[in-house]
Amino acid sequence: MDGYKKNSHAVYDINYHVIWVTKYRYKVLHGQIAIRTRELIR
């Protein structure tokens, strides 16, 4: 059970899934800025 958090009443594992979408799906981040943002988030 490595990676799980636990207390006296529960065992849990929390993960986040973030989706960043602009109106009409325009690409806002380009080139090196897009690559660096991806690195920081991951």
C-alpha atoms as a PDB file:
ATOM      1  CA  MET A   1       0.000   0.000   0.000  1.00  0.00           C
ATOM      2  CA  ASP A   2       2.837   2.365  -0.800  1.00  0.00           C
ATOM      3  CA  GLY A   3       1.663   5.754  -2.022  1.00  0.00           C
ATOM      4  CA  TYR A   4      -1.646   5.606  -0.167  1.00  0.00           C
ATOM      5  CA  LYS A   5      -2.508   8.028   2.610  1.00  0.00           C
ATOM      6  CA  LYS A   6      -4.258   6.627   5.628  1.00  0.00           C
ATOM      7  CA  ASN A   7      -5.740   7.670   8.916  1.00  0.00           C
ATOM      8  CA  SER A   8      -7.728   5.825  11.555  1.00  0.00           C
ATOM      9  CA  HIS A   9     -10.904   5.604   9.439  1.00  0.00           C
ATOM     10  CA  ALA A  10      -9.858   5.628   5.780  1.00  0.00           C
ATOM     11  CA  VAL A  11      -7.238   4.798   3.171  1.00  0.00           C
ATOM     12  CA  TYR A  12      -7.073   7.047   0.116  1.00  0.00           C
ATOM     13  CA  ASP A  13      -5.062   8.060  -2.924  1.00  0.00           C
ATOM     14  CA  ILE A  14      -5.870  11.403  -4.556  1.00  0.00           C
ATOM     15  CA  ASN A  15      -4.928  12.217  -8.158  1.00  0.00           C
ATOM     16  CA  TYR A  16      -5.663  15.371 -10.141  1.00  0.00           C
ATOM     17  CA  HIS A  17      -6.452  15.649 -13.845  1.00  0.00           C
ATOM     18  CA  VAL A  18      -6.280  19.254 -15.087  1.00  0.00           C
ATOM     19  CA  ILE A  19      -7.626  20.287 -18.487  1.00  0.00           C
ATOM     20  CA  TRP A  20      -6.865  23.782 -19.724  1.00  0.00           C
ATOM     21  CA  VAL A  21      -9.035  24.698 -22.734  1.00  0.00           C
ATOM     22  CA  THR A  22      -9.602  28.145 -24.165  1.00  0.00           C
ATOM     23  CA  LYS A  23     -12.714  29.264 -26.000  1.00  0.00           C
ATOM     24  CA  TYR A  24     -12.785  27.723 -29.482  1.00  0.00           C
ATOM     25  CA  ARG A  25      -9.599  25.775 -28.575  1.00  0.00           C
ATOM     26  CA  TYR A  26      -7.206  28.471 -29.801  1.00  0.00           C
ATOM     27  CA  LYS A  27      -3.584  27.614 -29.090  1.00  0.00           C
ATOM     28  CA  VAL A  28      -2.429  30.162 -26.539  1.00  0.00           C
ATOM     29  CA  LEU A  29       0.958  28.735 -25.600  1.00  0.00           C
ATOM     30  CA  HIS A  30       3.467  28.328 -28.438  1.00  0.00           C
ATOM     31  CA  GLY A  31       7.029  27.053 -28.823  1.00  0.00           C
ATOM     32  CA  GLN A  32       9.312  27.077 -25.796  1.00  0.00           C
ATOM     33  CA  ILE A  33       6.618  28.519 -23.525  1.00  0.00           C
ATOM     34  CA  ALA A  34       4.372  25.529 -24.248  1.00  0.00           C
ATOM     35  CA  ILE A  35       7.210  23.067 -23.643  1.00  0.00           C
ATOM     36  CA  ARG A  36       8.278  24.716 -20.368  1.00  0.00           C
ATOM     37  CA  THR A  37       4.682  24.908 -19.093  1.00  0.00           C
ATOM     38  CA  ARG A  38       4.230  21.191 -19.806  1.00  0.00           C
ATOM     39  CA  GLU A  39       7.459  20.397 -17.905  1.00  0.00           C
ATOM     40  CA  LEU A  40       6.370  22.414 -14.870  1.00  0.00           C
ATOM     41  CA  ILE A  41       2.918  20.857 -14.694  1.00  0.00           C
ATOM     42  CA  ARG A  42       4.151  17.292 -15.059  1.00  0.00           C
END
